N, C-alpha and C. Protein backbone atom coordinates (compact mmCIF):
# COMPACT_ATOMS: atom_id res chain seq x y z
N MET A 1 8.98 -11.58 -11.88
CA MET A 1 8.53 -12.13 -10.61
C MET A 1 8.54 -11.05 -9.52
N GLY A 2 9.51 -10.14 -9.58
CA GLY A 2 9.62 -9.09 -8.57
C GLY A 2 8.38 -8.23 -8.49
N ILE A 3 7.82 -7.88 -9.64
CA ILE A 3 6.64 -7.01 -9.64
C ILE A 3 5.43 -7.74 -9.06
N VAL A 4 5.36 -9.06 -9.23
CA VAL A 4 4.28 -9.85 -8.62
C VAL A 4 4.41 -9.81 -7.10
N LEU A 5 5.64 -9.89 -6.60
CA LEU A 5 5.87 -9.79 -5.16
C LEU A 5 5.48 -8.42 -4.64
N VAL A 6 5.78 -7.37 -5.39
CA VAL A 6 5.39 -6.02 -4.99
C VAL A 6 3.87 -5.90 -4.95
N ALA A 7 3.20 -6.45 -5.94
CA ALA A 7 1.73 -6.41 -5.96
C ALA A 7 1.16 -7.13 -4.74
N GLY A 8 1.72 -8.27 -4.40
CA GLY A 8 1.27 -8.98 -3.21
C GLY A 8 1.52 -8.18 -1.94
N ALA A 9 2.67 -7.50 -1.89
CA ALA A 9 2.99 -6.66 -0.74
C ALA A 9 2.00 -5.50 -0.61
N ILE A 10 1.61 -4.93 -1.74
CA ILE A 10 0.65 -3.83 -1.73
C ILE A 10 -0.70 -4.31 -1.21
N VAL A 11 -1.18 -5.42 -1.74
CA VAL A 11 -2.47 -5.97 -1.30
C VAL A 11 -2.44 -6.28 0.19
N SER A 12 -1.38 -6.91 0.65
CA SER A 12 -1.25 -7.26 2.07
C SER A 12 -1.23 -6.03 2.95
N GLU A 13 -0.51 -5.00 2.51
CA GLU A 13 -0.42 -3.77 3.29
C GLU A 13 -1.75 -3.04 3.36
N VAL A 14 -2.47 -3.00 2.26
CA VAL A 14 -3.77 -2.33 2.26
C VAL A 14 -4.76 -3.08 3.15
N ILE A 15 -4.77 -4.39 3.06
CA ILE A 15 -5.64 -5.19 3.93
C ILE A 15 -5.30 -4.93 5.40
N ALA A 16 -4.01 -4.92 5.71
CA ALA A 16 -3.58 -4.68 7.10
C ALA A 16 -4.00 -3.29 7.57
N THR A 17 -3.86 -2.29 6.73
CA THR A 17 -4.22 -0.92 7.10
C THR A 17 -5.72 -0.80 7.34
N LEU A 18 -6.51 -1.41 6.47
CA LEU A 18 -7.96 -1.36 6.66
C LEU A 18 -8.38 -2.15 7.90
N ALA A 19 -7.69 -3.25 8.16
CA ALA A 19 -7.96 -4.02 9.39
C ALA A 19 -7.58 -3.21 10.62
N LEU A 20 -6.54 -2.39 10.51
CA LEU A 20 -6.14 -1.53 11.62
C LEU A 20 -7.27 -0.56 11.97
N ARG A 21 -7.92 -0.01 10.96
CA ARG A 21 -9.08 0.87 11.18
C ARG A 21 -10.20 0.09 11.84
N ALA A 22 -10.43 -1.15 11.39
CA ALA A 22 -11.52 -1.98 11.92
C ALA A 22 -11.22 -2.51 13.31
N SER A 23 -9.95 -2.49 13.72
CA SER A 23 -9.58 -3.08 15.02
C SER A 23 -9.94 -2.20 16.20
N HIS A 24 -10.31 -0.95 15.93
CA HIS A 24 -10.65 -0.01 17.01
C HIS A 24 -9.53 0.07 18.04
N GLY A 25 -8.35 0.48 17.57
CA GLY A 25 -7.21 0.63 18.47
C GLY A 25 -6.63 -0.68 18.94
N LEU A 26 -6.70 -1.69 18.10
CA LEU A 26 -6.23 -3.04 18.39
C LEU A 26 -6.99 -3.68 19.56
N SER A 27 -8.25 -3.28 19.75
CA SER A 27 -9.06 -3.84 20.84
C SER A 27 -9.95 -4.99 20.38
N ARG A 28 -10.00 -5.24 19.08
CA ARG A 28 -10.76 -6.37 18.54
C ARG A 28 -9.77 -7.41 18.01
N LEU A 29 -9.89 -8.64 18.49
CA LEU A 29 -8.90 -9.67 18.21
C LEU A 29 -8.77 -10.01 16.72
N GLY A 30 -9.88 -10.28 16.06
CA GLY A 30 -9.83 -10.70 14.65
C GLY A 30 -9.12 -9.69 13.76
N PRO A 31 -9.59 -8.45 13.73
CA PRO A 31 -8.89 -7.46 12.92
C PRO A 31 -7.45 -7.21 13.36
N SER A 32 -7.18 -7.31 14.65
CA SER A 32 -5.81 -7.11 15.15
C SER A 32 -4.87 -8.19 14.63
N LEU A 33 -5.34 -9.42 14.59
CA LEU A 33 -4.53 -10.51 14.05
C LEU A 33 -4.28 -10.30 12.55
N LEU A 34 -5.29 -9.79 11.86
CA LEU A 34 -5.15 -9.50 10.43
C LEU A 34 -4.14 -8.38 10.20
N VAL A 35 -4.09 -7.41 11.10
CA VAL A 35 -3.09 -6.34 11.01
C VAL A 35 -1.68 -6.92 11.06
N VAL A 36 -1.42 -7.75 12.07
CA VAL A 36 -0.09 -8.32 12.23
C VAL A 36 0.28 -9.21 11.04
N ALA A 37 -0.64 -10.07 10.64
CA ALA A 37 -0.37 -10.98 9.52
C ALA A 37 -0.19 -10.21 8.21
N GLY A 38 -1.01 -9.20 8.00
CA GLY A 38 -0.93 -8.42 6.76
C GLY A 38 0.36 -7.65 6.63
N TYR A 39 0.75 -6.96 7.71
CA TYR A 39 2.00 -6.20 7.64
C TYR A 39 3.22 -7.13 7.55
N ALA A 40 3.19 -8.23 8.28
CA ALA A 40 4.30 -9.19 8.20
C ALA A 40 4.45 -9.72 6.78
N THR A 41 3.33 -10.10 6.18
CA THR A 41 3.35 -10.60 4.80
C THR A 41 3.85 -9.53 3.85
N ALA A 42 3.37 -8.31 4.03
CA ALA A 42 3.79 -7.21 3.15
C ALA A 42 5.30 -7.00 3.21
N PHE A 43 5.88 -7.00 4.40
CA PHE A 43 7.31 -6.77 4.53
C PHE A 43 8.13 -7.94 3.98
N VAL A 44 7.66 -9.14 4.19
CA VAL A 44 8.38 -10.30 3.64
C VAL A 44 8.37 -10.25 2.11
N LEU A 45 7.22 -9.99 1.53
CA LEU A 45 7.13 -9.92 0.07
C LEU A 45 7.95 -8.77 -0.49
N LEU A 46 7.90 -7.62 0.17
CA LEU A 46 8.68 -6.48 -0.30
C LEU A 46 10.18 -6.77 -0.20
N ALA A 47 10.60 -7.40 0.88
CA ALA A 47 12.01 -7.76 1.03
C ALA A 47 12.47 -8.70 -0.07
N GLN A 48 11.63 -9.65 -0.43
CA GLN A 48 11.99 -10.58 -1.51
C GLN A 48 12.06 -9.85 -2.85
N ALA A 49 11.13 -8.93 -3.08
CA ALA A 49 11.12 -8.18 -4.33
C ALA A 49 12.38 -7.33 -4.48
N LEU A 50 12.87 -6.80 -3.36
CA LEU A 50 14.03 -5.92 -3.41
C LEU A 50 15.33 -6.66 -3.69
N LYS A 51 15.28 -7.98 -3.77
CA LYS A 51 16.46 -8.73 -4.19
C LYS A 51 16.80 -8.44 -5.65
N THR A 52 15.77 -8.13 -6.45
CA THR A 52 15.99 -7.91 -7.88
C THR A 52 15.54 -6.54 -8.38
N LEU A 53 14.83 -5.79 -7.55
CA LEU A 53 14.30 -4.50 -7.98
C LEU A 53 14.92 -3.36 -7.19
N ASN A 54 14.98 -2.18 -7.80
CA ASN A 54 15.55 -1.00 -7.15
C ASN A 54 14.61 -0.45 -6.08
N VAL A 55 15.18 -0.06 -4.97
CA VAL A 55 14.38 0.33 -3.81
C VAL A 55 13.58 1.62 -4.03
N GLY A 56 14.12 2.62 -4.69
CA GLY A 56 13.41 3.89 -4.87
C GLY A 56 12.07 3.75 -5.58
N PRO A 57 12.09 3.26 -6.82
CA PRO A 57 10.82 3.11 -7.54
C PRO A 57 9.88 2.10 -6.88
N VAL A 58 10.43 1.03 -6.33
CA VAL A 58 9.59 0.02 -5.70
C VAL A 58 8.89 0.60 -4.47
N TYR A 59 9.63 1.34 -3.66
CA TYR A 59 9.02 1.93 -2.48
C TYR A 59 7.97 2.96 -2.87
N ALA A 60 8.25 3.74 -3.92
CA ALA A 60 7.27 4.71 -4.41
C ALA A 60 5.99 4.01 -4.84
N ILE A 61 6.14 2.92 -5.57
CA ILE A 61 4.96 2.17 -6.02
C ILE A 61 4.23 1.57 -4.83
N TRP A 62 4.97 0.93 -3.93
CA TRP A 62 4.36 0.27 -2.77
C TRP A 62 3.61 1.28 -1.90
N SER A 63 4.27 2.36 -1.57
CA SER A 63 3.62 3.33 -0.68
C SER A 63 2.52 4.11 -1.39
N GLY A 64 2.76 4.49 -2.64
CA GLY A 64 1.77 5.27 -3.37
C GLY A 64 0.51 4.50 -3.70
N VAL A 65 0.68 3.32 -4.26
CA VAL A 65 -0.50 2.50 -4.59
C VAL A 65 -1.19 2.05 -3.30
N GLY A 66 -0.40 1.78 -2.26
CA GLY A 66 -0.99 1.44 -0.97
C GLY A 66 -1.80 2.58 -0.40
N THR A 67 -1.31 3.81 -0.55
CA THR A 67 -2.04 4.99 -0.08
C THR A 67 -3.37 5.13 -0.81
N VAL A 68 -3.34 4.99 -2.11
CA VAL A 68 -4.58 5.09 -2.90
C VAL A 68 -5.52 3.93 -2.54
N GLY A 69 -4.98 2.74 -2.38
CA GLY A 69 -5.81 1.59 -1.99
C GLY A 69 -6.46 1.77 -0.64
N ALA A 70 -5.70 2.28 0.32
CA ALA A 70 -6.26 2.53 1.66
C ALA A 70 -7.33 3.61 1.60
N PHE A 71 -7.09 4.64 0.80
CA PHE A 71 -8.08 5.70 0.63
C PHE A 71 -9.39 5.12 0.06
N LEU A 72 -9.27 4.34 -1.01
CA LEU A 72 -10.46 3.75 -1.64
C LEU A 72 -11.16 2.78 -0.69
N GLY A 73 -10.38 1.98 0.04
CA GLY A 73 -10.96 1.07 1.02
C GLY A 73 -11.71 1.83 2.10
N GLY A 74 -11.14 2.94 2.56
CA GLY A 74 -11.82 3.75 3.57
C GLY A 74 -13.13 4.32 3.06
N VAL A 75 -13.13 4.73 1.80
CA VAL A 75 -14.35 5.27 1.20
C VAL A 75 -15.43 4.19 1.10
N PHE A 76 -15.05 3.03 0.56
CA PHE A 76 -16.05 1.98 0.30
C PHE A 76 -16.42 1.16 1.53
N LEU A 77 -15.48 0.92 2.43
CA LEU A 77 -15.77 0.08 3.59
C LEU A 77 -16.24 0.86 4.82
N PHE A 78 -15.72 2.09 4.96
CA PHE A 78 -16.01 2.84 6.18
C PHE A 78 -16.75 4.14 5.90
N ASP A 79 -17.20 4.33 4.67
CA ASP A 79 -17.98 5.50 4.28
C ASP A 79 -17.25 6.81 4.61
N GLU A 80 -15.93 6.82 4.42
CA GLU A 80 -15.16 8.03 4.68
C GLU A 80 -15.41 9.03 3.54
N PRO A 81 -15.33 10.33 3.84
CA PRO A 81 -15.69 11.34 2.84
C PRO A 81 -14.65 11.47 1.73
N VAL A 82 -15.14 11.86 0.56
CA VAL A 82 -14.28 12.20 -0.58
C VAL A 82 -14.49 13.68 -0.84
N ARG A 83 -13.41 14.43 -0.73
CA ARG A 83 -13.48 15.87 -0.94
C ARG A 83 -12.60 16.22 -2.15
N PRO A 84 -12.85 17.38 -2.76
CA PRO A 84 -12.04 17.77 -3.92
C PRO A 84 -10.54 17.76 -3.63
N ALA A 85 -10.14 18.26 -2.47
CA ALA A 85 -8.72 18.28 -2.13
C ALA A 85 -8.16 16.86 -2.03
N THR A 86 -8.98 15.92 -1.57
CA THR A 86 -8.54 14.53 -1.47
C THR A 86 -8.28 13.96 -2.86
N ILE A 87 -9.15 14.27 -3.78
CA ILE A 87 -8.98 13.79 -5.16
C ILE A 87 -7.69 14.37 -5.75
N VAL A 88 -7.44 15.64 -5.52
CA VAL A 88 -6.20 16.26 -6.00
C VAL A 88 -5.00 15.54 -5.39
N GLY A 89 -5.06 15.23 -4.11
CA GLY A 89 -3.98 14.50 -3.45
C GLY A 89 -3.74 13.14 -4.07
N VAL A 90 -4.81 12.42 -4.36
CA VAL A 90 -4.68 11.10 -4.98
C VAL A 90 -4.02 11.22 -6.35
N VAL A 91 -4.44 12.20 -7.13
CA VAL A 91 -3.85 12.41 -8.46
C VAL A 91 -2.36 12.73 -8.33
N LEU A 92 -2.00 13.56 -7.36
CA LEU A 92 -0.59 13.89 -7.16
C LEU A 92 0.23 12.66 -6.76
N VAL A 93 -0.34 11.80 -5.93
CA VAL A 93 0.35 10.57 -5.54
C VAL A 93 0.58 9.69 -6.77
N VAL A 94 -0.44 9.52 -7.58
CA VAL A 94 -0.33 8.68 -8.78
C VAL A 94 0.70 9.26 -9.74
N VAL A 95 0.68 10.56 -9.94
CA VAL A 95 1.66 11.20 -10.84
C VAL A 95 3.07 11.03 -10.26
N GLY A 96 3.23 11.22 -8.97
CA GLY A 96 4.54 11.04 -8.34
C GLY A 96 5.07 9.64 -8.49
N VAL A 97 4.21 8.66 -8.30
CA VAL A 97 4.62 7.26 -8.47
C VAL A 97 5.03 7.01 -9.92
N ALA A 98 4.27 7.53 -10.86
CA ALA A 98 4.61 7.34 -12.28
C ALA A 98 5.96 7.96 -12.61
N VAL A 99 6.24 9.14 -12.08
CA VAL A 99 7.52 9.79 -12.34
C VAL A 99 8.67 8.97 -11.73
N MET A 100 8.49 8.49 -10.50
CA MET A 100 9.52 7.66 -9.87
C MET A 100 9.76 6.39 -10.68
N TYR A 101 8.69 5.77 -11.14
CA TYR A 101 8.80 4.54 -11.92
C TYR A 101 9.55 4.79 -13.23
N LEU A 102 9.15 5.83 -13.94
CA LEU A 102 9.77 6.12 -15.23
C LEU A 102 11.20 6.61 -15.09
N GLY A 103 11.51 7.32 -14.02
CA GLY A 103 12.83 7.89 -13.86
C GLY A 103 13.84 6.99 -13.17
N GLY A 104 13.35 6.01 -12.40
CA GLY A 104 14.27 5.24 -11.58
C GLY A 104 14.67 3.90 -12.11
N GLY A 105 13.99 3.40 -13.09
CA GLY A 105 14.28 2.04 -13.53
C GLY A 105 13.89 1.06 -12.44
N MET A 106 13.54 -0.13 -12.80
CA MET A 106 13.04 -1.07 -11.81
C MET A 106 14.08 -2.11 -11.40
N GLU A 107 14.75 -2.70 -12.37
CA GLU A 107 15.64 -3.82 -12.05
C GLU A 107 17.08 -3.36 -11.94
N HIS A 108 17.82 -4.00 -11.05
CA HIS A 108 19.25 -3.71 -10.93
C HIS A 108 20.07 -4.92 -11.32
């Protein structure tokens, strides 16, 4: 169940981050409300997941997968550029998350 909560936290955080970009500095009401709701949901779900899961690997997964999700959302929704260095960065994030996951154990 903990990993499902983490997945929900990741989705909520990515939606909130993309809404933050769409809010134009929190000057648009709809996206701004989505920012607040998305981040609040993400933190609540993450807090619940941490009742049974270890914080190190979970945070690595949450932040790393969220980073990749926000990057992909920026590319597809906002036509942000993809450069070779960006791809290398994404690969490094994914490898780092995998190492944290494999080395840290998930449940306590």
